[in-house]
Amino acid sequence: MQTAPSGEINCIDPGGFGAVTITVTMSVRESTLANNRGSGINSTAGNAILLMVDRDTISSNFQNGVVSSGGNSVVRINASAITGNATGVISVAGGVLRSYKNNAINGNGVDGTPIVQELIN
C-alpha cells in the first residue's frame, strides 16, 4: 500500500494485505491489521516519520504488533487494541512510541516496550 506524505490508509478488509511498512508521515485509522507473517505496523525511519495509529485492531501477527524503528520515527497510539502478537509494541534503534493511555495492549507473547504518555491539549 502507498499514500502521499500526511496521507491516510484505511484497511477495510483485514485479509491478504501483509504488514504495513510506513516510510512517510501518515495516519492508520479504524483498520484491522491481523494474521501477518511479520509485523502489523512497521514504522521505519530514514526521513522524519510521524505516524498516528488511531482506533485500530492489531492482532495475531507472527512477529510484532507495532514497531517504531530509527531515531526519526515517532508513533502515537490512540484507542487501539494490540493483542495476540509475538510482541505487542517495540521500539528499536531510537524509535519512539507514545500513547494517549487509552489502549488495550495485552495478551501478546510479550506486551512490549513501556510507552510514554502523550498529553492531550
N, C-alpha and C. Protein backbone atom coordinates (compact mmCIF):
# COMPACT_ATOMS: atom_id res chain seq x y z
N MET A 1 0.84 -1.17 0.00
CA MET A 1 0.00 0.00 0.00
C MET A 1 0.88 1.23 0.00
N GLN A 2 0.42 2.28 -0.67
CA GLN A 2 1.16 3.53 -0.69
C GLN A 2 0.21 4.69 -0.50
N THR A 3 0.74 5.76 0.06
CA THR A 3 -0.01 7.01 0.18
C THR A 3 0.98 8.16 0.15
N ALA A 4 0.49 9.35 -0.10
CA ALA A 4 1.33 10.55 -0.10
C ALA A 4 1.68 10.91 1.34
N PRO A 5 2.77 11.69 1.55
CA PRO A 5 3.07 12.17 2.90
C PRO A 5 1.84 12.85 3.51
N SER A 6 1.64 12.62 4.79
CA SER A 6 0.48 13.10 5.56
C SER A 6 -0.81 12.45 5.10
N GLY A 7 -0.73 11.35 4.35
CA GLY A 7 -1.90 10.64 3.86
C GLY A 7 -2.49 9.74 4.91
N GLU A 8 -3.46 8.96 4.52
CA GLU A 8 -4.16 8.06 5.43
C GLU A 8 -4.44 6.75 4.71
N ILE A 9 -4.28 5.63 5.44
CA ILE A 9 -4.64 4.32 4.93
C ILE A 9 -5.76 3.80 5.81
N ASN A 10 -6.82 3.33 5.19
CA ASN A 10 -7.92 2.73 5.93
C ASN A 10 -8.15 1.34 5.35
N CYS A 11 -7.74 0.32 6.09
CA CYS A 11 -7.84 -1.07 5.63
C CYS A 11 -9.19 -1.63 6.05
N ILE A 12 -10.11 -1.71 5.13
CA ILE A 12 -11.46 -2.18 5.44
C ILE A 12 -11.49 -3.70 5.53
N ASP A 13 -10.84 -4.38 4.61
CA ASP A 13 -10.79 -5.84 4.59
C ASP A 13 -9.50 -6.29 5.26
N PRO A 14 -9.56 -7.04 6.39
CA PRO A 14 -8.35 -7.37 7.12
C PRO A 14 -7.48 -8.45 6.48
N GLY A 15 -7.88 -9.04 5.38
CA GLY A 15 -7.14 -10.19 4.88
C GLY A 15 -6.27 -9.92 3.68
N GLY A 16 -5.09 -10.51 3.67
CA GLY A 16 -4.29 -10.60 2.47
C GLY A 16 -3.41 -9.42 2.10
N PHE A 17 -3.38 -8.36 2.89
CA PHE A 17 -2.59 -7.20 2.52
C PHE A 17 -1.14 -7.32 2.94
N GLY A 18 -0.84 -8.08 3.98
CA GLY A 18 0.50 -8.15 4.51
C GLY A 18 0.73 -6.99 5.47
N ALA A 19 1.93 -6.94 6.04
CA ALA A 19 2.26 -5.89 7.00
C ALA A 19 2.23 -4.53 6.33
N VAL A 20 1.96 -3.51 7.14
CA VAL A 20 2.02 -2.13 6.65
C VAL A 20 3.36 -1.56 7.08
N THR A 21 4.23 -1.24 6.13
CA THR A 21 5.51 -0.60 6.43
C THR A 21 5.38 0.87 6.10
N ILE A 22 5.62 1.71 7.09
CA ILE A 22 5.42 3.15 6.97
C ILE A 22 6.78 3.82 6.76
N THR A 23 6.89 4.63 5.71
CA THR A 23 8.13 5.37 5.45
C THR A 23 7.86 6.86 5.23
N VAL A 24 6.60 7.29 5.41
CA VAL A 24 6.24 8.71 5.31
C VAL A 24 5.28 9.04 6.45
N THR A 25 5.13 10.32 6.79
CA THR A 25 4.19 10.76 7.81
C THR A 25 2.77 10.48 7.35
N MET A 26 1.99 9.83 8.24
CA MET A 26 0.61 9.47 7.87
C MET A 26 -0.16 8.99 9.08
N SER A 27 -1.45 8.64 8.87
CA SER A 27 -2.30 8.03 9.89
C SER A 27 -2.80 6.68 9.38
N VAL A 28 -2.90 5.72 10.30
CA VAL A 28 -3.59 4.47 10.02
C VAL A 28 -4.78 4.48 10.96
N ARG A 29 -5.98 4.59 10.41
CA ARG A 29 -7.17 4.87 11.23
C ARG A 29 -8.26 3.83 10.98
N GLU A 30 -8.86 3.36 12.09
CA GLU A 30 -10.02 2.47 12.06
C GLU A 30 -9.80 1.27 11.13
N SER A 31 -8.67 0.60 11.33
CA SER A 31 -8.27 -0.52 10.48
C SER A 31 -7.98 -1.75 11.32
N THR A 32 -7.99 -2.90 10.67
CA THR A 32 -7.58 -4.15 11.30
C THR A 32 -6.36 -4.67 10.56
N LEU A 33 -5.29 -4.90 11.30
CA LEU A 33 -4.05 -5.45 10.73
C LEU A 33 -3.78 -6.74 11.47
N ALA A 34 -4.08 -7.86 10.84
CA ALA A 34 -4.04 -9.14 11.55
C ALA A 34 -3.50 -10.26 10.67
N ASN A 35 -2.98 -11.28 11.36
CA ASN A 35 -2.56 -12.54 10.73
C ASN A 35 -1.46 -12.37 9.69
N ASN A 36 -0.55 -11.43 9.92
CA ASN A 36 0.59 -11.25 9.02
C ASN A 36 1.76 -12.12 9.46
N ARG A 37 2.59 -12.53 8.53
CA ARG A 37 3.77 -13.34 8.86
C ARG A 37 4.82 -12.51 9.59
N GLY A 38 4.82 -11.20 9.38
CA GLY A 38 5.76 -10.31 10.05
C GLY A 38 5.04 -9.49 11.10
N SER A 39 5.25 -8.17 11.04
CA SER A 39 4.64 -7.25 11.99
C SER A 39 3.36 -6.66 11.41
N GLY A 40 2.49 -6.16 12.29
CA GLY A 40 1.28 -5.48 11.84
C GLY A 40 1.61 -4.14 11.22
N ILE A 41 2.30 -3.26 12.01
CA ILE A 41 2.74 -1.95 11.52
C ILE A 41 4.22 -1.81 11.83
N ASN A 42 4.99 -1.42 10.82
CA ASN A 42 6.43 -1.22 10.98
C ASN A 42 6.77 0.17 10.48
N SER A 43 7.06 1.09 11.41
CA SER A 43 7.46 2.44 11.05
C SER A 43 8.98 2.48 11.01
N THR A 44 9.54 2.61 9.83
CA THR A 44 10.98 2.57 9.64
C THR A 44 11.48 3.93 9.16
N ALA A 45 12.28 4.58 9.97
CA ALA A 45 12.69 5.95 9.68
C ALA A 45 13.98 6.01 8.89
N GLY A 46 13.95 6.79 7.88
CA GLY A 46 15.12 7.31 7.19
C GLY A 46 14.94 8.81 7.33
N ASN A 47 13.85 9.30 6.74
CA ASN A 47 13.41 10.68 6.95
C ASN A 47 12.52 10.70 8.18
N ALA A 48 12.17 11.90 8.66
CA ALA A 48 11.30 12.02 9.83
C ALA A 48 9.92 11.43 9.52
N ILE A 49 9.42 10.59 10.42
CA ILE A 49 8.11 9.96 10.28
C ILE A 49 7.30 10.24 11.54
N LEU A 50 6.11 10.78 11.36
CA LEU A 50 5.14 10.91 12.44
C LEU A 50 3.97 10.04 12.05
N LEU A 51 3.74 8.99 12.80
CA LEU A 51 2.67 8.04 12.48
C LEU A 51 1.64 8.07 13.58
N MET A 52 0.37 8.22 13.21
CA MET A 52 -0.74 8.14 14.15
C MET A 52 -1.47 6.83 13.92
N VAL A 53 -1.50 5.97 14.93
CA VAL A 53 -2.25 4.72 14.90
C VAL A 53 -3.50 4.99 15.72
N ASP A 54 -4.64 5.11 15.06
CA ASP A 54 -5.85 5.63 15.71
C ASP A 54 -7.03 4.69 15.55
N ARG A 55 -7.51 4.15 16.67
CA ARG A 55 -8.70 3.28 16.71
C ARG A 55 -8.53 2.05 15.82
N ASP A 56 -7.39 1.38 15.97
CA ASP A 56 -7.07 0.21 15.16
C ASP A 56 -7.08 -1.06 16.00
N THR A 57 -7.25 -2.20 15.33
CA THR A 57 -7.06 -3.51 15.94
C THR A 57 -5.86 -4.15 15.26
N ILE A 58 -4.86 -4.49 16.06
CA ILE A 58 -3.62 -5.07 15.53
C ILE A 58 -3.42 -6.38 16.29
N SER A 59 -3.72 -7.50 15.61
CA SER A 59 -3.75 -8.77 16.35
C SER A 59 -3.24 -9.95 15.54
N SER A 60 -2.75 -10.93 16.29
CA SER A 60 -2.37 -12.24 15.75
C SER A 60 -1.33 -12.16 14.64
N ASN A 61 -0.40 -11.21 14.76
CA ASN A 61 0.71 -11.13 13.81
C ASN A 61 1.86 -11.98 14.33
N PHE A 62 2.57 -12.65 13.44
CA PHE A 62 3.60 -13.61 13.82
C PHE A 62 4.74 -12.95 14.59
N GLN A 63 5.06 -11.69 14.27
CA GLN A 63 6.14 -11.00 14.98
C GLN A 63 5.56 -9.93 15.91
N ASN A 64 5.62 -8.68 15.50
CA ASN A 64 5.24 -7.56 16.37
C ASN A 64 3.91 -6.95 15.96
N GLY A 65 3.24 -6.34 16.93
CA GLY A 65 2.05 -5.57 16.61
C GLY A 65 2.43 -4.24 15.98
N VAL A 66 3.20 -3.42 16.73
CA VAL A 66 3.65 -2.11 16.25
C VAL A 66 5.14 -1.97 16.54
N VAL A 67 5.91 -1.58 15.51
CA VAL A 67 7.35 -1.35 15.64
C VAL A 67 7.65 0.09 15.25
N SER A 68 8.42 0.79 16.09
CA SER A 68 8.97 2.10 15.73
C SER A 68 10.48 1.93 15.67
N SER A 69 11.05 2.10 14.48
CA SER A 69 12.47 1.82 14.26
C SER A 69 13.19 3.02 13.68
N GLY A 70 14.23 3.46 14.36
CA GLY A 70 15.05 4.57 13.88
C GLY A 70 14.73 5.86 14.62
N GLY A 71 15.75 6.66 14.85
CA GLY A 71 15.62 7.88 15.65
C GLY A 71 14.65 8.91 15.10
N ASN A 72 14.29 8.83 13.83
CA ASN A 72 13.35 9.79 13.25
C ASN A 72 11.92 9.27 13.23
N SER A 73 11.66 8.11 13.81
CA SER A 73 10.33 7.51 13.81
C SER A 73 9.61 7.79 15.13
N VAL A 74 8.46 8.47 15.06
CA VAL A 74 7.61 8.71 16.23
C VAL A 74 6.23 8.13 15.92
N VAL A 75 5.79 7.16 16.74
CA VAL A 75 4.49 6.53 16.56
C VAL A 75 3.62 6.87 17.76
N ARG A 76 2.47 7.48 17.49
CA ARG A 76 1.48 7.78 18.53
C ARG A 76 0.33 6.79 18.40
N ILE A 77 -0.07 6.17 19.52
CA ILE A 77 -1.12 5.16 19.51
C ILE A 77 -2.29 5.65 20.34
N ASN A 78 -3.48 5.64 19.73
CA ASN A 78 -4.69 6.14 20.38
C ASN A 78 -5.83 5.14 20.23
N ALA A 79 -6.47 4.79 21.34
CA ALA A 79 -7.71 4.00 21.34
C ALA A 79 -7.62 2.74 20.48
N SER A 80 -6.50 2.01 20.60
CA SER A 80 -6.28 0.83 19.77
C SER A 80 -6.13 -0.43 20.62
N ALA A 81 -6.46 -1.58 20.03
CA ALA A 81 -6.29 -2.88 20.67
C ALA A 81 -5.13 -3.60 19.99
N ILE A 82 -4.13 -3.99 20.79
CA ILE A 82 -2.96 -4.68 20.28
C ILE A 82 -2.84 -5.97 21.08
N THR A 83 -3.18 -7.11 20.45
CA THR A 83 -3.27 -8.36 21.20
C THR A 83 -2.94 -9.56 20.30
N GLY A 84 -2.43 -10.62 20.92
CA GLY A 84 -2.20 -11.87 20.21
C GLY A 84 -0.99 -11.88 19.31
N ASN A 85 -0.13 -10.88 19.40
CA ASN A 85 1.10 -10.81 18.60
C ASN A 85 2.25 -11.44 19.39
N ALA A 86 3.34 -11.80 18.73
CA ALA A 86 4.51 -12.30 19.45
C ALA A 86 4.98 -11.22 20.45
N THR A 87 5.12 -9.97 19.98
CA THR A 87 5.42 -8.82 20.83
C THR A 87 4.41 -7.73 20.49
N GLY A 88 3.81 -7.12 21.49
CA GLY A 88 2.77 -6.11 21.25
C GLY A 88 3.33 -4.85 20.62
N VAL A 89 4.19 -4.13 21.35
CA VAL A 89 4.80 -2.89 20.85
C VAL A 89 6.29 -2.93 21.17
N ILE A 90 7.08 -2.37 20.25
CA ILE A 90 8.53 -2.36 20.47
C ILE A 90 9.14 -1.18 19.75
N SER A 91 10.12 -0.56 20.40
CA SER A 91 10.90 0.47 19.73
C SER A 91 12.35 -0.01 19.65
N VAL A 92 12.97 0.19 18.49
CA VAL A 92 14.35 -0.23 18.28
C VAL A 92 15.12 0.90 17.60
N ALA A 93 16.41 0.90 17.82
CA ALA A 93 17.33 1.85 17.15
C ALA A 93 16.87 3.30 17.32
N GLY A 94 16.37 3.64 18.52
CA GLY A 94 15.99 5.02 18.80
C GLY A 94 14.58 5.40 18.41
N GLY A 95 13.78 4.45 17.92
CA GLY A 95 12.39 4.74 17.58
C GLY A 95 11.61 5.14 18.83
N VAL A 96 10.58 5.96 18.66
CA VAL A 96 9.81 6.49 19.78
C VAL A 96 8.37 6.01 19.69
N LEU A 97 7.83 5.54 20.82
CA LEU A 97 6.42 5.18 20.94
C LEU A 97 5.77 6.11 21.95
N ARG A 98 4.59 6.63 21.63
CA ARG A 98 3.82 7.48 22.54
C ARG A 98 2.40 6.93 22.61
N SER A 99 1.75 7.09 23.76
CA SER A 99 0.39 6.59 23.94
C SER A 99 -0.45 7.63 24.64
N TYR A 100 -1.73 7.67 24.28
CA TYR A 100 -2.68 8.51 24.99
C TYR A 100 -3.26 7.75 26.19
N LYS A 101 -2.72 6.57 26.48
CA LYS A 101 -3.07 5.73 27.63
C LYS A 101 -4.51 5.27 27.63
N ASN A 102 -5.08 5.09 26.45
CA ASN A 102 -6.43 4.56 26.32
C ASN A 102 -6.44 3.35 25.38
N ASN A 103 -5.34 2.61 25.38
CA ASN A 103 -5.18 1.45 24.52
C ASN A 103 -5.30 0.16 25.32
N ALA A 104 -5.59 -0.93 24.64
CA ALA A 104 -5.56 -2.26 25.24
C ALA A 104 -4.38 -3.00 24.63
N ILE A 105 -3.27 -3.06 25.37
CA ILE A 105 -2.08 -3.76 24.90
C ILE A 105 -1.84 -4.91 25.87
N ASN A 106 -2.42 -6.07 25.52
CA ASN A 106 -2.30 -7.23 26.40
C ASN A 106 -2.57 -8.50 25.61
N GLY A 107 -2.23 -9.62 26.22
CA GLY A 107 -2.46 -10.90 25.57
C GLY A 107 -1.47 -11.21 24.46
N ASN A 108 -0.36 -10.48 24.42
CA ASN A 108 0.71 -10.76 23.46
C ASN A 108 1.70 -11.70 24.12
N GLY A 109 2.58 -12.36 23.33
CA GLY A 109 3.63 -13.18 23.93
C GLY A 109 4.41 -12.36 24.93
N VAL A 110 4.81 -11.15 24.53
CA VAL A 110 5.41 -10.13 25.38
C VAL A 110 4.67 -8.84 25.01
N ASP A 111 4.11 -8.16 26.00
CA ASP A 111 3.36 -6.95 25.67
C ASP A 111 4.25 -5.85 25.12
N GLY A 112 5.50 -5.78 25.58
CA GLY A 112 6.48 -4.94 24.92
C GLY A 112 6.95 -3.74 25.70
N THR A 113 7.55 -2.83 24.96
CA THR A 113 8.18 -1.63 25.48
C THR A 113 7.18 -0.76 26.23
N PRO A 114 7.49 -0.33 27.46
CA PRO A 114 6.61 0.64 28.11
C PRO A 114 6.53 1.91 27.26
N ILE A 115 5.33 2.47 27.17
CA ILE A 115 5.11 3.61 26.28
C ILE A 115 4.92 4.88 27.11
N VAL A 116 5.61 5.94 26.70
CA VAL A 116 5.48 7.25 27.35
C VAL A 116 4.12 7.83 27.02
N GLN A 117 3.50 8.49 28.04
CA GLN A 117 2.18 9.08 27.82
C GLN A 117 2.28 10.36 27.01
N GLU A 118 1.42 10.47 26.02
CA GLU A 118 1.27 11.68 25.20
C GLU A 118 0.13 12.48 25.81
N LEU A 119 0.34 13.75 26.06
CA LEU A 119 -0.69 14.59 26.67
C LEU A 119 -1.64 15.12 25.62
N ILE A 120 -2.91 15.16 25.97
CA ILE A 120 -3.93 15.73 25.09
C ILE A 120 -4.10 17.18 25.47
N ASN A 121 -4.00 18.07 24.49
CA ASN A 121 -4.14 19.50 24.78
C ASN A 121 -5.57 19.87 25.00
